[in-house]
Amino acid sequence: MQTLLQNPAAAYRKVDLEARIEASAVEDLTRICLEEAVAALRQAELASANGAENAARDPLSRAHAIVLWLARGVADDNPLRQPLLQFYGGQALEIQSLITRPTHKRIAAVCADFSDLLDAAKAV
């Protein structure tokens, strides 16, 4: 709670996300999580581009948590279950390593991968 008091933007982002989740249909949850992951990765990418690797850690941690949730949320009967689990698992490991050693190039690559996945999810 103290962190939210120190960072009003994080508090508003949390409230906004909770409201979006509450108001959404089940089928929209994956898209919302992908949007949040991309937003967090873009924030980390911007921080890294400006040489603020420490500032990239919080959004990377947020993206990591979202990716883990996405992996846990893949339905057993989803025909793409195994490829999605492999993708999410690999990306979670990459993001975890970026938390301790962030580099702009690697953050940008992960962000691009999730942006592509989000675009595909919106097209369905």
N, C-alpha and C. Protein backbone atom coordinates (compact mmCIF):
# COMPACT_ATOMS: atom_id res chain seq x y z
N MET A 1 0.82 -1.19 0.00
CA MET A 1 0.00 0.00 0.00
C MET A 1 0.86 1.25 0.00
N GLN A 2 1.95 1.24 0.74
CA GLN A 2 2.85 2.39 0.79
C GLN A 2 3.34 2.76 -0.60
N THR A 3 3.65 1.76 -1.44
CA THR A 3 4.13 2.04 -2.79
C THR A 3 3.08 2.80 -3.59
N LEU A 4 1.80 2.42 -3.45
CA LEU A 4 0.75 3.12 -4.18
C LEU A 4 0.60 4.56 -3.69
N LEU A 5 0.82 4.80 -2.40
CA LEU A 5 0.74 6.16 -1.88
C LEU A 5 1.89 7.01 -2.40
N GLN A 6 3.05 6.40 -2.62
CA GLN A 6 4.21 7.12 -3.10
C GLN A 6 4.15 7.34 -4.61
N ASN A 7 3.35 6.54 -5.31
CA ASN A 7 3.28 6.63 -6.76
C ASN A 7 1.82 6.72 -7.20
N PRO A 8 1.27 7.94 -7.25
CA PRO A 8 -0.14 8.09 -7.62
C PRO A 8 -0.47 7.50 -8.99
N ALA A 9 0.46 7.58 -9.94
CA ALA A 9 0.20 7.02 -11.28
C ALA A 9 -0.03 5.52 -11.19
N ALA A 10 0.74 4.83 -10.36
CA ALA A 10 0.56 3.39 -10.18
C ALA A 10 -0.79 3.10 -9.55
N ALA A 11 -1.21 3.93 -8.61
CA ALA A 11 -2.51 3.74 -7.96
C ALA A 11 -3.64 3.89 -8.97
N TYR A 12 -3.58 4.92 -9.80
CA TYR A 12 -4.61 5.12 -10.82
C TYR A 12 -4.60 3.99 -11.84
N ARG A 13 -3.41 3.52 -12.22
CA ARG A 13 -3.30 2.43 -13.18
C ARG A 13 -3.94 1.16 -12.61
N LYS A 14 -3.71 0.91 -11.32
CA LYS A 14 -4.27 -0.27 -10.67
C LYS A 14 -5.79 -0.19 -10.62
N VAL A 15 -6.33 0.96 -10.24
CA VAL A 15 -7.78 1.14 -10.18
C VAL A 15 -8.39 1.00 -11.58
N ASP A 16 -7.74 1.59 -12.57
CA ASP A 16 -8.23 1.50 -13.94
C ASP A 16 -8.26 0.05 -14.42
N LEU A 17 -7.20 -0.69 -14.15
CA LEU A 17 -7.13 -2.09 -14.56
C LEU A 17 -8.22 -2.90 -13.87
N GLU A 18 -8.40 -2.70 -12.57
CA GLU A 18 -9.43 -3.43 -11.85
C GLU A 18 -10.81 -3.12 -12.40
N ALA A 19 -11.07 -1.87 -12.74
CA ALA A 19 -12.36 -1.50 -13.32
C ALA A 19 -12.56 -2.15 -14.69
N ARG A 20 -11.52 -2.17 -15.51
CA ARG A 20 -11.62 -2.80 -16.83
C ARG A 20 -11.89 -4.29 -16.71
N ILE A 21 -11.24 -4.93 -15.75
CA ILE A 21 -11.45 -6.37 -15.55
C ILE A 21 -12.86 -6.64 -15.07
N GLU A 22 -13.34 -5.86 -14.12
CA GLU A 22 -14.69 -6.05 -13.59
C GLU A 22 -15.74 -5.86 -14.67
N ALA A 23 -15.52 -4.92 -15.57
CA ALA A 23 -16.52 -4.60 -16.59
C ALA A 23 -16.40 -5.47 -17.84
N SER A 24 -15.40 -6.31 -17.92
CA SER A 24 -15.16 -7.05 -19.16
C SER A 24 -15.82 -8.41 -19.16
N ALA A 25 -16.03 -8.91 -20.35
CA ALA A 25 -16.48 -10.29 -20.52
C ALA A 25 -15.26 -11.19 -20.41
N VAL A 26 -15.48 -12.44 -20.10
CA VAL A 26 -14.38 -13.39 -19.90
C VAL A 26 -13.46 -13.42 -21.12
N GLU A 27 -14.02 -13.41 -22.30
CA GLU A 27 -13.19 -13.51 -23.51
C GLU A 27 -12.30 -12.29 -23.74
N ASP A 28 -12.59 -11.21 -23.04
CA ASP A 28 -11.77 -10.00 -23.18
C ASP A 28 -10.58 -9.95 -22.22
N LEU A 29 -10.54 -10.83 -21.24
CA LEU A 29 -9.49 -10.78 -20.23
C LEU A 29 -8.09 -10.97 -20.81
N THR A 30 -7.94 -11.89 -21.74
CA THR A 30 -6.63 -12.11 -22.35
C THR A 30 -6.17 -10.86 -23.08
N ARG A 31 -7.06 -10.26 -23.84
CA ARG A 31 -6.70 -9.03 -24.57
C ARG A 31 -6.31 -7.91 -23.61
N ILE A 32 -7.05 -7.76 -22.51
CA ILE A 32 -6.74 -6.74 -21.53
C ILE A 32 -5.36 -6.99 -20.92
N CYS A 33 -5.08 -8.23 -20.60
CA CYS A 33 -3.76 -8.56 -20.03
C CYS A 33 -2.64 -8.32 -21.04
N LEU A 34 -2.88 -8.65 -22.29
CA LEU A 34 -1.88 -8.37 -23.32
C LEU A 34 -1.65 -6.88 -23.46
N GLU A 35 -2.72 -6.09 -23.42
CA GLU A 35 -2.58 -4.64 -23.50
C GLU A 35 -1.76 -4.12 -22.31
N GLU A 36 -2.01 -4.64 -21.13
CA GLU A 36 -1.28 -4.21 -19.94
C GLU A 36 0.19 -4.62 -20.02
N ALA A 37 0.44 -5.82 -20.53
CA ALA A 37 1.83 -6.29 -20.68
C ALA A 37 2.57 -5.39 -21.66
N VAL A 38 1.95 -5.08 -22.79
CA VAL A 38 2.58 -4.21 -23.79
C VAL A 38 2.83 -2.82 -23.20
N ALA A 39 1.87 -2.29 -22.46
CA ALA A 39 2.04 -0.97 -21.85
C ALA A 39 3.22 -0.98 -20.87
N ALA A 40 3.30 -2.02 -20.06
CA ALA A 40 4.41 -2.11 -19.09
C ALA A 40 5.75 -2.24 -19.81
N LEU A 41 5.78 -3.05 -20.85
CA LEU A 41 7.02 -3.24 -21.61
C LEU A 41 7.44 -1.97 -22.33
N ARG A 42 6.48 -1.22 -22.84
CA ARG A 42 6.80 0.07 -23.49
C ARG A 42 7.35 1.06 -22.47
N GLN A 43 6.78 1.04 -21.28
CA GLN A 43 7.28 1.92 -20.22
C GLN A 43 8.72 1.54 -19.86
N ALA A 44 8.99 0.25 -19.76
CA ALA A 44 10.35 -0.22 -19.46
C ALA A 44 11.29 0.11 -20.62
N GLU A 45 10.80 -0.02 -21.83
CA GLU A 45 11.62 0.29 -23.01
C GLU A 45 12.00 1.77 -23.03
N LEU A 46 11.05 2.62 -22.72
CA LEU A 46 11.32 4.06 -22.68
C LEU A 46 12.34 4.40 -21.59
N ALA A 47 12.16 3.81 -20.43
CA ALA A 47 13.10 4.05 -19.33
C ALA A 47 14.50 3.59 -19.72
N SER A 48 14.57 2.43 -20.33
CA SER A 48 15.87 1.89 -20.74
C SER A 48 16.51 2.75 -21.82
N ALA A 49 15.72 3.23 -22.75
CA ALA A 49 16.24 4.08 -23.82
C ALA A 49 16.83 5.37 -23.27
N ASN A 50 16.29 5.82 -22.14
CA ASN A 50 16.77 7.05 -21.51
C ASN A 50 17.89 6.78 -20.50
N GLY A 51 18.36 5.53 -20.47
CA GLY A 51 19.46 5.18 -19.58
C GLY A 51 19.05 4.96 -18.14
N ALA A 52 17.76 4.83 -17.88
CA ALA A 52 17.26 4.66 -16.50
C ALA A 52 16.89 3.20 -16.27
N GLU A 53 17.91 2.34 -16.24
CA GLU A 53 17.65 0.90 -16.08
C GLU A 53 16.90 0.59 -14.79
N ASN A 54 17.20 1.31 -13.71
CA ASN A 54 16.49 1.08 -12.45
C ASN A 54 15.00 1.38 -12.58
N ALA A 55 14.67 2.41 -13.34
CA ALA A 55 13.26 2.76 -13.56
C ALA A 55 12.55 1.73 -14.41
N ALA A 56 13.28 0.92 -15.15
CA ALA A 56 12.67 -0.12 -15.99
C ALA A 56 12.25 -1.33 -15.17
N ARG A 57 12.77 -1.47 -13.97
CA ARG A 57 12.53 -2.70 -13.19
C ARG A 57 11.07 -2.86 -12.76
N ASP A 58 10.42 -1.81 -12.30
CA ASP A 58 9.03 -1.93 -11.86
C ASP A 58 8.09 -2.33 -13.01
N PRO A 59 8.16 -1.66 -14.15
CA PRO A 59 7.29 -2.10 -15.24
C PRO A 59 7.65 -3.51 -15.75
N LEU A 60 8.92 -3.87 -15.69
CA LEU A 60 9.30 -5.23 -16.08
C LEU A 60 8.72 -6.25 -15.10
N SER A 61 8.73 -5.92 -13.83
CA SER A 61 8.13 -6.82 -12.83
C SER A 61 6.64 -6.96 -13.07
N ARG A 62 5.99 -5.86 -13.40
CA ARG A 62 4.55 -5.90 -13.71
C ARG A 62 4.29 -6.76 -14.94
N ALA A 63 5.09 -6.58 -15.98
CA ALA A 63 4.93 -7.39 -17.19
C ALA A 63 5.16 -8.87 -16.89
N HIS A 64 6.15 -9.16 -16.07
CA HIS A 64 6.46 -10.55 -15.70
C HIS A 64 5.25 -11.20 -15.02
N ALA A 65 4.64 -10.50 -14.06
CA ALA A 65 3.48 -11.04 -13.36
C ALA A 65 2.32 -11.28 -14.32
N ILE A 66 2.11 -10.37 -15.26
CA ILE A 66 1.03 -10.51 -16.23
C ILE A 66 1.27 -11.73 -17.12
N VAL A 67 2.50 -11.90 -17.57
CA VAL A 67 2.82 -13.04 -18.45
C VAL A 67 2.62 -14.35 -17.71
N LEU A 68 2.99 -14.41 -16.45
CA LEU A 68 2.76 -15.62 -15.66
C LEU A 68 1.26 -15.90 -15.54
N TRP A 69 0.47 -14.86 -15.32
CA TRP A 69 -0.98 -15.04 -15.26
C TRP A 69 -1.52 -15.54 -16.59
N LEU A 70 -1.04 -14.96 -17.68
CA LEU A 70 -1.49 -15.42 -19.00
C LEU A 70 -1.19 -16.90 -19.20
N ALA A 71 -0.01 -17.34 -18.79
CA ALA A 71 0.35 -18.76 -18.93
C ALA A 71 -0.58 -19.64 -18.10
N ARG A 72 -0.88 -19.21 -16.90
CA ARG A 72 -1.78 -20.00 -16.04
C ARG A 72 -3.21 -20.01 -16.58
N GLY A 73 -3.56 -19.00 -17.36
CA GLY A 73 -4.93 -18.87 -17.84
C GLY A 73 -5.22 -19.56 -19.15
N VAL A 74 -4.24 -20.22 -19.77
CA VAL A 74 -4.49 -20.91 -21.04
C VAL A 74 -5.38 -22.12 -20.77
N ALA A 75 -6.50 -22.19 -21.43
CA ALA A 75 -7.46 -23.28 -21.22
C ALA A 75 -6.90 -24.62 -21.67
N ASP A 76 -7.27 -25.66 -20.94
CA ASP A 76 -6.80 -27.01 -21.27
C ASP A 76 -7.24 -27.44 -22.67
N ASP A 77 -8.41 -26.98 -23.10
CA ASP A 77 -8.93 -27.40 -24.41
C ASP A 77 -8.55 -26.45 -25.55
N ASN A 78 -7.71 -25.47 -25.27
CA ASN A 78 -7.27 -24.54 -26.31
C ASN A 78 -6.35 -25.28 -27.27
N PRO A 79 -6.66 -25.28 -28.57
CA PRO A 79 -5.81 -26.00 -29.53
C PRO A 79 -4.39 -25.43 -29.62
N LEU A 80 -4.20 -24.21 -29.17
CA LEU A 80 -2.87 -23.59 -29.17
C LEU A 80 -2.22 -23.63 -27.80
N ARG A 81 -2.72 -24.47 -26.92
CA ARG A 81 -2.23 -24.51 -25.54
C ARG A 81 -0.72 -24.69 -25.46
N GLN A 82 -0.17 -25.70 -26.10
CA GLN A 82 1.27 -25.96 -25.98
C GLN A 82 2.12 -24.83 -26.56
N PRO A 83 1.82 -24.34 -27.76
CA PRO A 83 2.62 -23.21 -28.27
C PRO A 83 2.50 -21.96 -27.38
N LEU A 84 1.30 -21.69 -26.86
CA LEU A 84 1.13 -20.53 -25.99
C LEU A 84 1.92 -20.70 -24.69
N LEU A 85 1.87 -21.89 -24.10
CA LEU A 85 2.62 -22.13 -22.87
C LEU A 85 4.12 -21.99 -23.12
N GLN A 86 4.57 -22.47 -24.26
CA GLN A 86 5.98 -22.35 -24.59
C GLN A 86 6.36 -20.87 -24.79
N PHE A 87 5.52 -20.13 -25.50
CA PHE A 87 5.78 -18.71 -25.73
C PHE A 87 5.79 -17.94 -24.41
N TYR A 88 4.73 -18.10 -23.62
CA TYR A 88 4.65 -17.37 -22.35
C TYR A 88 5.79 -17.76 -21.41
N GLY A 89 6.11 -19.03 -21.36
CA GLY A 89 7.20 -19.49 -20.49
C GLY A 89 8.53 -18.90 -20.89
N GLY A 90 8.82 -18.91 -22.19
CA GLY A 90 10.07 -18.34 -22.68
C GLY A 90 10.15 -16.84 -22.43
N GLN A 91 9.04 -16.17 -22.65
CA GLN A 91 9.02 -14.71 -22.45
C GLN A 91 9.12 -14.37 -20.96
N ALA A 92 8.49 -15.18 -20.10
CA ALA A 92 8.58 -14.94 -18.66
C ALA A 92 10.04 -15.06 -18.20
N LEU A 93 10.75 -16.05 -18.72
CA LEU A 93 12.17 -16.20 -18.37
C LEU A 93 12.99 -15.01 -18.88
N GLU A 94 12.71 -14.57 -20.09
CA GLU A 94 13.43 -13.42 -20.66
C GLU A 94 13.16 -12.16 -19.83
N ILE A 95 11.90 -11.92 -19.48
CA ILE A 95 11.57 -10.74 -18.69
C ILE A 95 12.21 -10.82 -17.32
N GLN A 96 12.20 -12.01 -16.73
CA GLN A 96 12.83 -12.18 -15.41
C GLN A 96 14.31 -11.82 -15.47
N SER A 97 14.98 -12.24 -16.53
CA SER A 97 16.41 -11.89 -16.66
C SER A 97 16.59 -10.39 -16.91
N LEU A 98 15.63 -9.77 -17.58
CA LEU A 98 15.71 -8.33 -17.84
C LEU A 98 15.53 -7.50 -16.56
N ILE A 99 14.83 -8.05 -15.59
CA ILE A 99 14.63 -7.32 -14.33
C ILE A 99 15.97 -7.05 -13.66
N THR A 100 16.87 -8.02 -13.74
CA THR A 100 18.19 -7.84 -13.12
C THR A 100 19.21 -7.21 -14.05
N ARG A 101 19.06 -7.44 -15.36
CA ARG A 101 20.00 -6.88 -16.34
C ARG A 101 19.23 -6.32 -17.55
N PRO A 102 18.56 -5.18 -17.36
CA PRO A 102 17.78 -4.64 -18.47
C PRO A 102 18.64 -4.07 -19.59
N THR A 103 18.31 -4.42 -20.81
CA THR A 103 18.94 -3.80 -21.98
C THR A 103 17.84 -3.37 -22.94
N HIS A 104 18.02 -2.22 -23.52
CA HIS A 104 16.99 -1.66 -24.40
C HIS A 104 16.65 -2.61 -25.55
N LYS A 105 17.65 -3.18 -26.17
CA LYS A 105 17.42 -4.04 -27.34
C LYS A 105 16.56 -5.25 -26.98
N ARG A 106 16.86 -5.89 -25.86
CA ARG A 106 16.10 -7.08 -25.46
C ARG A 106 14.69 -6.71 -25.02
N ILE A 107 14.54 -5.59 -24.31
CA ILE A 107 13.20 -5.14 -23.91
C ILE A 107 12.36 -4.85 -25.15
N ALA A 108 12.96 -4.18 -26.12
CA ALA A 108 12.25 -3.86 -27.36
C ALA A 108 11.81 -5.12 -28.09
N ALA A 109 12.63 -6.16 -28.09
CA ALA A 109 12.29 -7.40 -28.77
C ALA A 109 11.10 -8.08 -28.09
N VAL A 110 11.11 -8.13 -26.76
CA VAL A 110 9.99 -8.74 -26.03
C VAL A 110 8.72 -7.92 -26.26
N CYS A 111 8.84 -6.61 -26.22
CA CYS A 111 7.70 -5.74 -26.45
C CYS A 111 7.11 -5.96 -27.84
N ALA A 112 7.97 -6.10 -28.84
CA ALA A 112 7.50 -6.34 -30.20
C ALA A 112 6.76 -7.67 -30.30
N ASP A 113 7.27 -8.69 -29.63
CA ASP A 113 6.60 -10.00 -29.65
C ASP A 113 5.19 -9.90 -29.06
N PHE A 114 5.07 -9.21 -27.93
CA PHE A 114 3.75 -9.09 -27.31
C PHE A 114 2.84 -8.15 -28.10
N SER A 115 3.40 -7.14 -28.74
CA SER A 115 2.60 -6.28 -29.60
C SER A 115 2.02 -7.06 -30.77
N ASP A 116 2.83 -7.95 -31.35
CA ASP A 116 2.35 -8.81 -32.44
C ASP A 116 1.23 -9.73 -31.97
N LEU A 117 1.40 -10.31 -30.77
CA LEU A 117 0.37 -11.19 -30.22
C LEU A 117 -0.90 -10.41 -29.92
N LEU A 118 -0.77 -9.20 -29.40
CA LEU A 118 -1.94 -8.36 -29.14
C LEU A 118 -2.67 -8.04 -30.44
N ASP A 119 -1.92 -7.69 -31.49
CA ASP A 119 -2.55 -7.40 -32.79
C ASP A 119 -3.32 -8.62 -33.29
N ALA A 120 -2.75 -9.80 -33.13
CA ALA A 120 -3.43 -11.03 -33.55
C ALA A 120 -4.69 -11.27 -32.72
N ALA A 121 -4.62 -10.99 -31.43
CA ALA A 121 -5.79 -11.18 -30.56
C ALA A 121 -6.90 -10.22 -30.91
N LYS A 122 -6.54 -8.99 -31.30
CA LYS A 122 -7.55 -8.01 -31.68
C LYS A 122 -8.20 -8.36 -33.02
N ALA A 123 -7.47 -9.06 -33.86
CA ALA A 123 -7.98 -9.42 -35.19
C ALA A 123 -9.00 -10.57 -35.13
N VAL A 124 -9.01 -11.29 -34.04
CA VAL A 124 -9.91 -12.44 -33.93
C VAL A 124 -11.29 -12.01 -33.56
